[in-house]
């Protein structure tokens, strides 16, 4: 399951960075925002990245789950979110997804998921 998550996260990084390059309105929302993001998988590892200078870095495994934005869920929920098989709000409201972030950072996450 871990390789599948890594592959899907990397695909999202490429998609996110393409949107920044291809969609001026999206890049305008991201401009000036520098954030660290950690995806904590309850039945797996933690993956962190940084958004810096209008680019998001590749996710890397980490032992340190602290970040500006922390998303916690099972591998099943993370994969469903990345495949857009479940809406983030539904997962959040059901308690399957936990997010520690400011409101502005939650809107930023919307662009990733």
PDB file of N, CA and C in Angstrom:
ATOM      1  N   UNK A   1       0.833  -1.196   0.000  1.00  0.00           N
ATOM      2  CA  UNK A   1       0.000   0.000   0.000  1.00  0.00           C
ATOM      3  C   UNK A   1       0.872   1.252   0.000  1.00  0.00           C
ATOM      4  N   UNK A   2       2.029   1.196   0.648  1.00  0.00           N
ATOM      5  CA  UNK A   2       2.888   2.372   0.759  1.00  0.00           C
ATOM      6  C   UNK A   2       3.351   2.861  -0.608  1.00  0.00           C
ATOM      7  N   UNK A   3       3.755   1.958  -1.503  1.00  0.00           N
ATOM      8  CA  UNK A   3       4.190   2.379  -2.841  1.00  0.00           C
ATOM      9  C   UNK A   3       3.062   3.052  -3.602  1.00  0.00           C
ATOM     10  N   UNK A   4       1.846   2.540  -3.445  1.00  0.00           N
ATOM     11  CA  UNK A   4       0.702   3.140  -4.124  1.00  0.00           C
ATOM     12  C   UNK A   4       0.479   4.576  -3.637  1.00  0.00           C
ATOM     13  N   UNK A   5       0.599   4.775  -2.340  1.00  0.00           N
ATOM     14  CA  UNK A   5       0.431   6.123  -1.780  1.00  0.00           C
ATOM     15  C   UNK A   5       1.534   7.047  -2.287  1.00  0.00           C
ATOM     16  N   UNK A   6       2.772   6.574  -2.275  1.00  0.00           N
ATOM     17  CA  UNK A   6       3.881   7.398  -2.762  1.00  0.00           C
ATOM     18  C   UNK A   6       3.654   7.806  -4.217  1.00  0.00           C
ATOM     19  N   UNK A   7       3.241   6.855  -5.043  1.00  0.00           N
ATOM     20  CA  UNK A   7       2.997   7.151  -6.457  1.00  0.00           C
ATOM     21  C   UNK A   7       1.872   8.168  -6.636  1.00  0.00           C
ATOM     22  N   UNK A   8       0.806   8.001  -5.880  1.00  0.00           N
ATOM     23  CA  UNK A   8      -0.340   8.906  -5.999  1.00  0.00           C
ATOM     24  C   UNK A   8       0.012  10.301  -5.472  1.00  0.00           C
ATOM     25  N   UNK A   9       0.790  10.374  -4.394  1.00  0.00           N
ATOM     26  CA  UNK A   9       1.222  11.676  -3.886  1.00  0.00           C
ATOM     27  C   UNK A   9       2.123  12.370  -4.904  1.00  0.00           C
ATOM     28  N   UNK A  10       3.014  11.624  -5.529  1.00  0.00           N
ATOM     29  CA  UNK A  10       3.902  12.217  -6.528  1.00  0.00           C
ATOM     30  C   UNK A  10       3.099  12.719  -7.726  1.00  0.00           C
ATOM     31  N   UNK A  11       2.083  11.975  -8.131  1.00  0.00           N
ATOM     32  CA  UNK A  11       1.221  12.420  -9.231  1.00  0.00           C
ATOM     33  C   UNK A  11       0.514  13.715  -8.850  1.00  0.00           C
ATOM     34  N   UNK A  12       0.081  13.842  -7.596  1.00  0.00           N
ATOM     35  CA  UNK A  12      -0.582  15.074  -7.141  1.00  0.00           C
ATOM     36  C   UNK A  12       0.394  16.245  -7.130  1.00  0.00           C
ATOM     37  N   UNK A  13       1.646  16.000  -6.775  1.00  0.00           N
ATOM     38  CA  UNK A  13       2.664  17.055  -6.801  1.00  0.00           C
ATOM     39  C   UNK A  13       2.817  17.574  -8.235  1.00  0.00           C
ATOM     40  N   UNK A  14       2.927  16.657  -9.190  1.00  0.00           N
ATOM     41  CA  UNK A  14       3.067  17.059 -10.595  1.00  0.00           C
ATOM     42  C   UNK A  14       1.839  17.828 -11.074  1.00  0.00           C
ATOM     43  N   UNK A  15       0.655  17.339 -10.700  1.00  0.00           N
ATOM     44  CA  UNK A  15      -0.591  18.013 -11.078  1.00  0.00           C
ATOM     45  C   UNK A  15      -0.671  19.411 -10.468  1.00  0.00           C
ATOM     46  N   UNK A  16      -0.329  19.527  -9.188  1.00  0.00           N
ATOM     47  CA  UNK A  16      -0.362  20.802  -8.472  1.00  0.00           C
ATOM     48  C   UNK A  16       0.588  21.801  -9.131  1.00  0.00           C
ATOM     49  N   UNK A  17       1.829  21.357  -9.396  1.00  0.00           N
ATOM     50  CA  UNK A  17       2.816  22.246 -10.003  1.00  0.00           C
ATOM     51  C   UNK A  17       2.419  22.640 -11.422  1.00  0.00           C
ATOM     52  N   UNK A  18       1.780  21.740 -12.154  1.00  0.00           N
ATOM     53  CA  UNK A  18       1.292  22.077 -13.494  1.00  0.00           C
ATOM     54  C   UNK A  18       0.209  23.141 -13.418  1.00  0.00           C
ATOM     55  N   UNK A  19      -0.684  23.003 -12.443  1.00  0.00           N
ATOM     56  CA  UNK A  19      -1.747  24.004 -12.275  1.00  0.00           C
ATOM     57  C   UNK A  19      -1.145  25.373 -11.982  1.00  0.00           C
ATOM     58  N   UNK A  20      -0.099  25.410 -11.165  1.00  0.00           N
ATOM     59  CA  UNK A  20       0.554  26.680 -10.848  1.00  0.00           C
ATOM     60  C   UNK A  20       1.099  27.310 -12.119  1.00  0.00           C
ATOM     61  N   UNK A  21       1.678  26.484 -12.988  1.00  0.00           N
ATOM     62  CA  UNK A  21       2.250  26.998 -14.238  1.00  0.00           C
ATOM     63  C   UNK A  21       1.200  27.330 -15.289  1.00  0.00           C
ATOM     64  N   UNK A  22       0.106  26.577 -15.311  1.00  0.00           N
ATOM     65  CA  UNK A  22      -0.876  26.694 -16.388  1.00  0.00           C
ATOM     66  C   UNK A  22      -2.089  27.562 -16.065  1.00  0.00           C
ATOM     67  N   UNK A  23      -2.365  27.793 -14.794  1.00  0.00           N
ATOM     68  CA  UNK A  23      -3.568  28.526 -14.400  1.00  0.00           C
ATOM     69  C   UNK A  23      -3.192  29.768 -13.591  1.00  0.00           C
ATOM     70  N   UNK A  24      -3.146  30.917 -14.231  1.00  0.00           N
ATOM     71  CA  UNK A  24      -2.764  32.142 -13.524  1.00  0.00           C
ATOM     72  C   UNK A  24      -3.630  32.432 -12.289  1.00  0.00           C
ATOM     73  N   UNK A  25      -4.921  32.116 -12.356  1.00  0.00           N
ATOM     74  CA  UNK A  25      -5.782  32.386 -11.197  1.00  0.00           C
ATOM     75  C   UNK A  25      -5.409  31.493 -10.015  1.00  0.00           C
ATOM     76  N   UNK A  26      -5.011  30.250 -10.295  1.00  0.00           N
ATOM     77  CA  UNK A  26      -4.586  29.345  -9.229  1.00  0.00           C
ATOM     78  C   UNK A  26      -3.250  29.799  -8.646  1.00  0.00           C
ATOM     79  N   UNK A  27      -2.310  30.142  -9.513  1.00  0.00           N
ATOM     80  CA  UNK A  27      -1.001  30.572  -9.022  1.00  0.00           C
ATOM     81  C   UNK A  27      -1.102  31.854  -8.205  1.00  0.00           C
ATOM     82  N   UNK A  28      -2.065  32.704  -8.541  1.00  0.00           N
ATOM     83  CA  UNK A  28      -2.264  33.941  -7.777  1.00  0.00           C
ATOM     84  C   UNK A  28      -2.699  33.629  -6.342  1.00  0.00           C
ATOM     85  N   UNK A  29      -3.527  32.568  -6.175  1.00  0.00           N
ATOM     86  CA  UNK A  29      -3.968  32.155  -4.833  1.00  0.00           C
ATOM     87  C   UNK A  29      -2.813  31.591  -4.019  1.00  0.00           C
ATOM     88  N   UNK A  30      -1.850  30.980  -4.686  1.00  0.00           N
ATOM     89  CA  UNK A  30      -0.723  30.309  -4.026  1.00  0.00           C
ATOM     90  C   UNK A  30       0.439  31.270  -3.775  1.00  0.00           C
ATOM     91  N   UNK A  31       0.519  32.308  -4.569  1.00  0.00           N
ATOM     92  CA  UNK A  31       1.642  33.242  -4.505  1.00  0.00           C
ATOM     93  C   UNK A  31       1.867  33.765  -3.092  1.00  0.00           C
ATOM     94  N   UNK A  32       3.119  33.702  -2.653  1.00  0.00           N
ATOM     95  CA  UNK A  32       3.492  34.215  -1.339  1.00  0.00           C
ATOM     96  C   UNK A  32       3.217  33.261  -0.187  1.00  0.00           C
ATOM     97  N   UNK A  33       2.657  32.106  -0.477  1.00  0.00           N
ATOM     98  CA  UNK A  33       2.362  31.145   0.578  1.00  0.00           C
ATOM     99  C   UNK A  33       3.477  30.105   0.648  1.00  0.00           C
ATOM    100  N   UNK A  34       4.109  30.016   1.780  1.00  0.00           N
ATOM    101  CA  UNK A  34       5.143  29.026   2.030  1.00  0.00           C
ATOM    102  C   UNK A  34       4.680  28.193   3.216  1.00  0.00           C
ATOM    103  N   UNK A  35       4.409  26.937   2.977  1.00  0.00           N
ATOM    104  CA  UNK A  35       3.852  26.075   4.015  1.00  0.00           C
ATOM    105  C   UNK A  35       4.515  24.716   4.001  1.00  0.00           C
ATOM    106  N   UNK A  36       4.576  24.103   5.168  1.00  0.00           N
ATOM    107  CA  UNK A  36       4.973  22.701   5.266  1.00  0.00           C
ATOM    108  C   UNK A  36       3.696  21.884   5.426  1.00  0.00           C
ATOM    109  N   UNK A  37       3.677  20.718   4.798  1.00  0.00           N
ATOM    110  CA  UNK A  37       2.499  19.849   4.813  1.00  0.00           C
ATOM    111  C   UNK A  37       2.941  18.446   5.192  1.00  0.00           C
ATOM    112  N   UNK A  38       2.198  17.820   6.087  1.00  0.00           N
ATOM    113  CA  UNK A  38       2.494  16.441   6.462  1.00  0.00           C
ATOM    114  C   UNK A  38       1.220  15.610   6.324  1.00  0.00           C
ATOM    115  N   UNK A  39       1.331  14.503   5.613  1.00  0.00           N
ATOM    116  CA  UNK A  39       0.245  13.534   5.488  1.00  0.00           C
ATOM    117  C   UNK A  39       0.607  12.391   6.441  1.00  0.00           C
ATOM    118  N   UNK A  40      -0.182  12.209   7.487  1.00  0.00           N
ATOM    119  CA  UNK A  40       0.058  11.160   8.488  1.00  0.00           C
ATOM    120  C   UNK A  40      -0.918  10.019   8.223  1.00  0.00           C
ATOM    121  N   UNK A  41      -0.388   8.877   7.888  1.00  0.00           N
ATOM    122  CA  UNK A  41      -1.222   7.720   7.570  1.00  0.00           C
ATOM    123  C   UNK A  41      -1.264   6.824   8.800  1.00  0.00           C
ATOM    124  N   UNK A  42      -2.460   6.656   9.341  1.00  0.00           N
ATOM    125  CA  UNK A  42      -2.608   5.959  10.624  1.00  0.00           C
ATOM    126  C   UNK A  42      -2.138   4.509  10.574  1.00  0.00           C
ATOM    127  N   UNK A  43      -2.220   3.872   9.421  1.00  0.00           N
ATOM    128  CA  UNK A  43      -1.754   2.494   9.290  1.00  0.00           C
ATOM    129  C   UNK A  43      -0.512   2.413   8.399  1.00  0.00           C
ATOM    130  N   UNK A  44       0.253   3.496   8.383  1.00  0.00           N
ATOM    131  CA  UNK A  44       1.464   3.560   7.558  1.00  0.00           C
ATOM    132  C   UNK A  44       2.389   4.637   8.083  1.00  0.00           C
ATOM    133  N   UNK A  45       3.107   5.288   7.193  1.00  0.00           N
ATOM    134  CA  UNK A  45       4.076   6.294   7.597  1.00  0.00           C
ATOM    135  C   UNK A  45       3.561   7.712   7.454  1.00  0.00           C
ATOM    136  N   UNK A  46       4.479   8.641   7.649  1.00  0.00           N
ATOM    137  CA  UNK A  46       4.203  10.066   7.495  1.00  0.00           C
ATOM    138  C   UNK A  46       4.966  10.564   6.273  1.00  0.00           C
ATOM    139  N   UNK A  47       4.331  11.446   5.501  1.00  0.00           N
ATOM    140  CA  UNK A  47       4.944  12.001   4.301  1.00  0.00           C
ATOM    141  C   UNK A  47       4.856  13.519   4.370  1.00  0.00           C
ATOM    142  N   UNK A  48       6.000  14.175   4.174  1.00  0.00           N
ATOM    143  CA  UNK A  48       5.993  15.633   4.269  1.00  0.00           C
ATOM    144  C   UNK A  48       6.488  16.271   2.974  1.00  0.00           C
ATOM    145  N   UNK A  49       6.054  17.515   2.798  1.00  0.00           N
ATOM    146  CA  UNK A  49       6.472  18.307   1.647  1.00  0.00           C
ATOM    147  C   UNK A  49       6.441  19.770   2.051  1.00  0.00           C
ATOM    148  N   UNK A  50       6.946  20.608   1.167  1.00  0.00           N
ATOM    149  CA  UNK A  50       6.891  22.056   1.390  1.00  0.00           C
ATOM    150  C   UNK A  50       6.410  22.739   0.131  1.00  0.00           C
ATOM    151  N   UNK A  51       5.589  23.737   0.341  1.00  0.00           N
ATOM    152  CA  UNK A  51       5.182  24.647  -0.727  1.00  0.00           C
ATOM    153  C   UNK A  51       6.046  25.884  -0.544  1.00  0.00           C
ATOM    154  N   UNK A  52       6.830  26.192  -1.567  1.00  0.00           N
ATOM    155  CA  UNK A  52       7.748  27.319  -1.467  1.00  0.00           C
ATOM    156  C   UNK A  52       7.970  27.899  -2.864  1.00  0.00           C
ATOM    157  N   UNK A  53       7.873  29.194  -2.982  1.00  0.00           N
ATOM    158  CA  UNK A  53       8.122  29.884  -4.258  1.00  0.00           C
ATOM    159  C   UNK A  53       7.301  29.294  -5.398  1.00  0.00           C
ATOM    160  N   UNK A  54       6.001  29.169  -5.180  1.00  0.00           N
ATOM    161  CA  UNK A  54       5.068  28.687  -6.199  1.00  0.00           C
ATOM    162  C   UNK A  54       5.398  27.287  -6.711  1.00  0.00           C
ATOM    163  N   UNK A  55       5.938  26.450  -5.842  1.00  0.00           N
ATOM    164  CA  UNK A  55       6.203  25.064  -6.218  1.00  0.00           C
ATOM    165  C   UNK A  55       6.105  24.189  -4.983  1.00  0.00           C
ATOM    166  N   UNK A  56       5.518  23.005  -5.175  1.00  0.00           N
ATOM    167  CA  UNK A  56       5.451  22.050  -4.085  1.00  0.00           C
ATOM    168  C   UNK A  56       6.501  20.973  -4.366  1.00  0.00           C
ATOM    169  N   UNK A  57       7.251  20.616  -3.334  1.00  0.00           N
ATOM    170  CA  UNK A  57       8.304  19.613  -3.468  1.00  0.00           C
ATOM    171  C   UNK A  57       7.705  18.211  -3.436  1.00  0.00           C
ATOM    172  N   UNK A  58       8.493  17.238  -3.851  1.00  0.00           N
ATOM    173  CA  UNK A  58       8.076  15.841  -3.744  1.00  0.00           C
ATOM    174  C   UNK A  58       7.913  15.474  -2.278  1.00  0.00           C
ATOM    175  N   UNK A  59       6.966  14.586  -1.997  1.00  0.00           N
ATOM    176  CA  UNK A  59       6.772  14.103  -0.631  1.00  0.00           C
ATOM    177  C   UNK A  59       7.909  13.172  -0.250  1.00  0.00           C
ATOM    178  N   UNK A  60       8.311  13.259   1.014  1.00  0.00           N
ATOM    179  CA  UNK A  60       9.356  12.392   1.556  1.00  0.00           C
ATOM    180  C   UNK A  60       8.852  11.775   2.850  1.00  0.00           C
ATOM    181  N   UNK A  61       9.256  10.544   3.103  1.00  0.00           N
ATOM    182  CA  UNK A  61       8.883   9.918   4.368  1.00  0.00           C
ATOM    183  C   UNK A  61       9.584  10.657   5.499  1.00  0.00           C
ATOM    184  N   UNK A  62       8.881  10.787   6.620  1.00  0.00           N
ATOM    185  CA  UNK A  62       9.435  11.504   7.759  1.00  0.00           C
ATOM    186  C   UNK A  62       8.957  10.882   9.063  1.00  0.00           C
ATOM    187  N   UNK A  63       9.730  11.070  10.089  1.00  0.00           N
ATOM    188  CA  UNK A  63       9.331  10.653  11.438  1.00  0.00           C
ATOM    189  C   UNK A  63       8.666  11.803  12.176  1.00  0.00           C
ATOM    190  N   UNK A  64       8.869  13.021  11.675  1.00  0.00           N
ATOM    191  CA  UNK A  64       8.369  14.226  12.338  1.00  0.00           C
ATOM    192  C   UNK A  64       7.048  14.672  11.715  1.00  0.00           C
ATOM    193  N   UNK A  65       5.934  14.483  12.417  1.00  0.00           N
ATOM    194  CA  UNK A  65       4.633  14.838  11.851  1.00  0.00           C
ATOM    195  C   UNK A  65       4.235  16.298  12.038  1.00  0.00           C
ATOM    196  N   UNK A  66       5.128  17.139  12.541  1.00  0.00           N
ATOM    197  CA  UNK A  66       4.756  18.536  12.741  1.00  0.00           C
ATOM    198  C   UNK A  66       4.892  19.297  11.415  1.00  0.00           C
ATOM    199  N   UNK A  67       3.926  20.153  11.163  1.00  0.00           N
ATOM    200  CA  UNK A  67       3.917  20.964   9.944  1.00  0.00           C
ATOM    201  C   UNK A  67       2.858  22.044  10.100  1.00  0.00           C
ATOM    202  N   UNK A  68       2.855  22.988   9.173  1.00  0.00           N
ATOM    203  CA  UNK A  68       1.815  24.020   9.166  1.00  0.00           C
ATOM    204  C   UNK A  68       0.450  23.386   8.914  1.00  0.00           C
ATOM    205  N   UNK A  69       0.437  22.372   8.057  1.00  0.00           N
ATOM    206  CA  UNK A  69      -0.787  21.659   7.698  1.00  0.00           C
ATOM    207  C   UNK A  69      -0.546  20.169   7.953  1.00  0.00           C
ATOM    208  N   UNK A  70      -1.384  19.567   8.794  1.00  0.00           N
ATOM    209  CA  UNK A  70      -1.255  18.136   9.091  1.00  0.00           C
ATOM    210  C   UNK A  70      -2.570  17.451   8.747  1.00  0.00           C
ATOM    211  N   UNK A  71      -2.482  16.464   7.862  1.00  0.00           N
ATOM    212  CA  UNK A  71      -3.640  15.683   7.431  1.00  0.00           C
ATOM    213  C   UNK A  71      -3.440  14.265   7.949  1.00  0.00           C
ATOM    214  N   UNK A  72      -4.444  13.732   8.659  1.00  0.00           N
ATOM    215  CA  UNK A  72      -4.337  12.395   9.229  1.00  0.00           C
ATOM    216  C   UNK A  72      -5.521  11.548   8.781  1.00  0.00           C
ATOM    217  N   UNK A  73      -5.221  10.362   8.262  1.00  0.00           N
ATOM    218  CA  UNK A  73      -6.263   9.423   7.823  1.00  0.00           C
ATOM    219  C   UNK A  73      -5.610   8.065   7.580  1.00  0.00           C
ATOM    220  N   UNK A  74      -6.451   7.066   7.383  1.00  0.00           N
ATOM    221  CA  UNK A  74      -5.947   5.736   7.035  1.00  0.00           C
ATOM    222  C   UNK A  74      -5.480   5.741   5.580  1.00  0.00           C
ATOM    223  N   UNK A  75      -4.705   4.735   5.216  1.00  0.00           N
ATOM    224  CA  UNK A  75      -4.239   4.624   3.830  1.00  0.00           C
ATOM    225  C   UNK A  75      -5.419   4.488   2.877  1.00  0.00           C
ATOM    226  N   UNK A  76      -6.461   3.783   3.292  1.00  0.00           N
ATOM    227  CA  UNK A  76      -7.652   3.614   2.457  1.00  0.00           C
ATOM    228  C   UNK A  76      -8.304   4.965   2.145  1.00  0.00           C
ATOM    229  N   UNK A  77      -8.433   5.817   3.154  1.00  0.00           N
ATOM    230  CA  UNK A  77      -9.049   7.137   2.961  1.00  0.00           C
ATOM    231  C   UNK A  77      -8.138   8.032   2.124  1.00  0.00           C
ATOM    232  N   UNK A  78      -6.840   8.023   2.400  1.00  0.00           N
ATOM    233  CA  UNK A  78      -5.901   8.850   1.627  1.00  0.00           C
ATOM    234  C   UNK A  78      -5.964   8.476   0.144  1.00  0.00           C
ATOM    235  N   UNK A  79      -5.951   7.179  -0.149  1.00  0.00           N
ATOM    236  CA  UNK A  79      -6.023   6.742  -1.548  1.00  0.00           C
ATOM    237  C   UNK A  79      -7.351   7.160  -2.166  1.00  0.00           C
ATOM    238  N   UNK A  80      -8.444   6.988  -1.446  1.00  0.00           N
ATOM    239  CA  UNK A  80      -9.758   7.394  -1.958  1.00  0.00           C
ATOM    240  C   UNK A  80      -9.792   8.900  -2.238  1.00  0.00           C
ATOM    241  N   UNK A  81      -9.181   9.696  -1.368  1.00  0.00           N
ATOM    242  CA  UNK A  81      -9.123  11.143  -1.585  1.00  0.00           C
ATOM    243  C   UNK A  81      -8.293  11.475  -2.827  1.00  0.00           C
ATOM    244  N   UNK A  82      -7.139  10.843  -2.947  1.00  0.00           N
ATOM    245  CA  UNK A  82      -6.255  11.120  -4.071  1.00  0.00           C
ATOM    246  C   UNK A  82      -6.856  10.677  -5.404  1.00  0.00           C
ATOM    247  N   UNK A  83      -7.686   9.636  -5.372  1.00  0.00           N
ATOM    248  CA  UNK A  83      -8.350   9.167  -6.582  1.00  0.00           C
ATOM    249  C   UNK A  83      -9.682   9.881  -6.817  1.00  0.00           C
ATOM    250  N   UNK A  84     -10.016  10.762  -5.884  1.00  0.00           N
ATOM    251  CA  UNK A  84     -11.278  11.519  -5.929  1.00  0.00           C
ATOM    252  C   UNK A  84     -12.494  10.599  -5.874  1.00  0.00           C
ATOM    253  N   UNK A  85     -12.359   9.501  -5.132  1.00  0.00           N
ATOM    254  CA  UNK A  85     -13.470   8.579  -4.914  1.00  0.00           C
ATOM    255  C   UNK A  85     -14.288   8.970  -3.689  1.00  0.00           C
ATOM    256  N   UNK A  86     -13.760   9.882  -2.895  1.00  0.00           N
ATOM    257  CA  UNK A  86     -14.467  10.390  -1.717  1.00  0.00           C
ATOM    258  C   UNK A  86     -14.184  11.888  -1.636  1.00  0.00           C
ATOM    259  N   UNK A  87     -15.172  12.647  -1.254  1.00  0.00           N
ATOM    260  CA  UNK A  87     -15.019  14.089  -1.131  1.00  0.00           C
ATOM    261  C   UNK A  87     -14.357  14.393   0.225  1.00  0.00           C
ATOM    262  N   UNK A  88     -13.376  15.293   0.258  1.00  0.00           N
ATOM    263  CA  UNK A  88     -12.698  15.607   1.518  1.00  0.00           C
ATOM    264  C   UNK A  88     -13.641  16.049   2.644  1.00  0.00           C
ATOM    265  N   UNK A  89     -14.673  16.809   2.313  1.00  0.00           N
ATOM    266  CA  UNK A  89     -15.601  17.272   3.355  1.00  0.00           C
ATOM    267  C   UNK A  89     -16.359  16.093   3.955  1.00  0.00           C
ATOM    268  N   UNK A  90     -16.758  15.153   3.121  1.00  0.00           N
ATOM    269  CA  UNK A  90     -17.457  13.967   3.618  1.00  0.00           C
ATOM    270  C   UNK A  90     -16.541  13.167   4.546  1.00  0.00           C
ATOM    271  N   UNK A  91     -15.290  12.974   4.144  1.00  0.00           N
ATOM    272  CA  UNK A  91     -14.332  12.239   4.973  1.00  0.00           C
ATOM    273  C   UNK A  91     -14.076  12.975   6.284  1.00  0.00           C
ATOM    274  N   UNK A  92     -13.997  14.296   6.217  1.00  0.00           N
ATOM    275  CA  UNK A  92     -13.770  15.108   7.414  1.00  0.00           C
ATOM    276  C   UNK A  92     -14.969  15.037   8.365  1.00  0.00           C
ATOM    277  N   UNK A  93     -16.164  15.190   7.811  1.00  0.00           N
ATOM    278  CA  UNK A  93     -17.378  15.190   8.640  1.00  0.00           C
ATOM    279  C   UNK A  93     -17.630  13.825   9.284  1.00  0.00           C
ATOM    280  N   UNK A  94     -17.210  12.749   8.616  1.00  0.00           N
ATOM    281  CA  UNK A  94     -17.406  11.406   9.168  1.00  0.00           C
ATOM    282  C   UNK A  94     -16.327  11.051  10.187  1.00  0.00           C
ATOM    283  N   UNK A  95     -15.304  11.892  10.300  1.00  0.00           N
ATOM    284  CA  UNK A  95     -14.217  11.630  11.242  1.00  0.00           C
ATOM    285  C   UNK A  95     -13.108  10.761  10.664  1.00  0.00           C
ATOM    286  N   UNK A  96     -13.236  10.374   9.395  1.00  0.00           N
ATOM    287  CA  UNK A  96     -12.205   9.554   8.759  1.00  0.00           C
ATOM    288  C   UNK A  96     -10.975  10.368   8.382  1.00  0.00           C
ATOM    289  N   UNK A  97     -11.134  11.672   8.305  1.00  0.00           N
ATOM    290  CA  UNK A  97     -10.060  12.583   7.935  1.00  0.00           C
ATOM    291  C   UNK A  97      -9.947  13.655   9.005  1.00  0.00           C
ATOM    292  N   UNK A  98      -8.733  13.863   9.488  1.00  0.00           N
ATOM    293  CA  UNK A  98      -8.483  14.921  10.463  1.00  0.00           C
ATOM    294  C   UNK A  98      -7.499  15.899   9.838  1.00  0.00           C
ATOM    295  N   UNK A  99      -7.761  17.180  10.038  1.00  0.00           N
ATOM    296  CA  UNK A  99      -6.904  18.215   9.472  1.00  0.00           C
ATOM    297  C   UNK A  99      -6.603  19.241  10.551  1.00  0.00           C
ATOM    298  N   UNK A 100      -5.313  19.517  10.745  1.00  0.00           N
ATOM    299  CA  UNK A 100      -4.878  20.589  11.634  1.00  0.00           C
ATOM    300  C   UNK A 100      -4.281  21.665  10.745  1.00  0.00           C
ATOM    301  N   UNK A 101      -5.034  22.751  10.590  1.00  0.00           N
ATOM    302  CA  UNK A 101      -4.594  23.833   9.714  1.00  0.00           C
ATOM    303  C   UNK A 101      -5.496  25.032   9.924  1.00  0.00           C
ATOM    304  N   UNK A 102      -5.004  26.180   9.497  1.00  0.00           N
ATOM    305  CA  UNK A 102      -5.846  27.370   9.518  1.00  0.00           C
ATOM    306  C   UNK A 102      -6.867  27.261   8.389  1.00  0.00           C
ATOM    307  N   UNK A 103      -7.877  28.091   8.426  1.00  0.00           N
ATOM    308  CA  UNK A 103      -8.892  28.093   7.361  1.00  0.00           C
ATOM    309  C   UNK A 103      -8.235  28.363   6.005  1.00  0.00           C
ATOM    310  N   UNK A 104      -7.327  29.311   5.956  1.00  0.00           N
ATOM    311  CA  UNK A 104      -6.649  29.639   4.703  1.00  0.00           C
ATOM    312  C   UNK A 104      -5.843  28.447   4.191  1.00  0.00           C
ATOM    313  N   UNK A 105      -5.183  27.734   5.107  1.00  0.00           N
ATOM    314  CA  UNK A 105      -4.406  26.572   4.703  1.00  0.00           C
ATOM    315  C   UNK A 105      -5.307  25.424   4.257  1.00  0.00           C
ATOM    316  N   UNK A 106      -6.497  25.320   4.836  1.00  0.00           N
ATOM    317  CA  UNK A 106      -7.435  24.295   4.399  1.00  0.00           C
ATOM    318  C   UNK A 106      -7.868  24.565   2.954  1.00  0.00           C
ATOM    319  N   UNK A 107      -8.044  25.816   2.600  1.00  0.00           N
ATOM    320  CA  UNK A 107      -8.382  26.161   1.219  1.00  0.00           C
ATOM    321  C   UNK A 107      -7.219  25.822   0.283  1.00  0.00           C
ATOM    322  N   UNK A 108      -6.014  26.011   0.767  1.00  0.00           N
ATOM    323  CA  UNK A 108      -4.830  25.653   0.008  1.00  0.00           C
ATOM    324  C   UNK A 108      -4.816  24.150  -0.261  1.00  0.00           C
ATOM    325  N   UNK A 109      -5.165  23.366   0.753  1.00  0.00           N
ATOM    326  CA  UNK A 109      -5.204  21.914   0.613  1.00  0.00           C
ATOM    327  C   UNK A 109      -6.193  21.467  -0.448  1.00  0.00           C
ATOM    328  N   UNK A 110      -7.251  22.218  -0.591  1.00  0.00           N
ATOM    329  CA  UNK A 110      -8.265  21.892  -1.591  1.00  0.00           C
ATOM    330  C   UNK A 110      -7.617  21.763  -2.978  1.00  0.00           C
ATOM    331  N   UNK A 111      -6.613  22.586  -3.231  1.00  0.00           N
ATOM    332  CA  UNK A 111      -5.907  22.520  -4.506  1.00  0.00           C
ATOM    333  C   UNK A 111      -5.076  21.261  -4.667  1.00  0.00           C
ATOM    334  N   UNK A 112      -4.692  20.653  -3.556  1.00  0.00           N
ATOM    335  CA  UNK A 112      -3.902  19.423  -3.607  1.00  0.00           C
ATOM    336  C   UNK A 112      -4.792  18.207  -3.752  1.00  0.00           C
ATOM    337  N   UNK A 113      -5.927  18.221  -3.057  1.00  0.00           N
ATOM    338  CA  UNK A 113      -6.829  17.065  -3.126  1.00  0.00           C
ATOM    339  C   UNK A 113      -7.965  17.368  -4.066  1.00  0.00           C
TER     340      UNK A 113
END
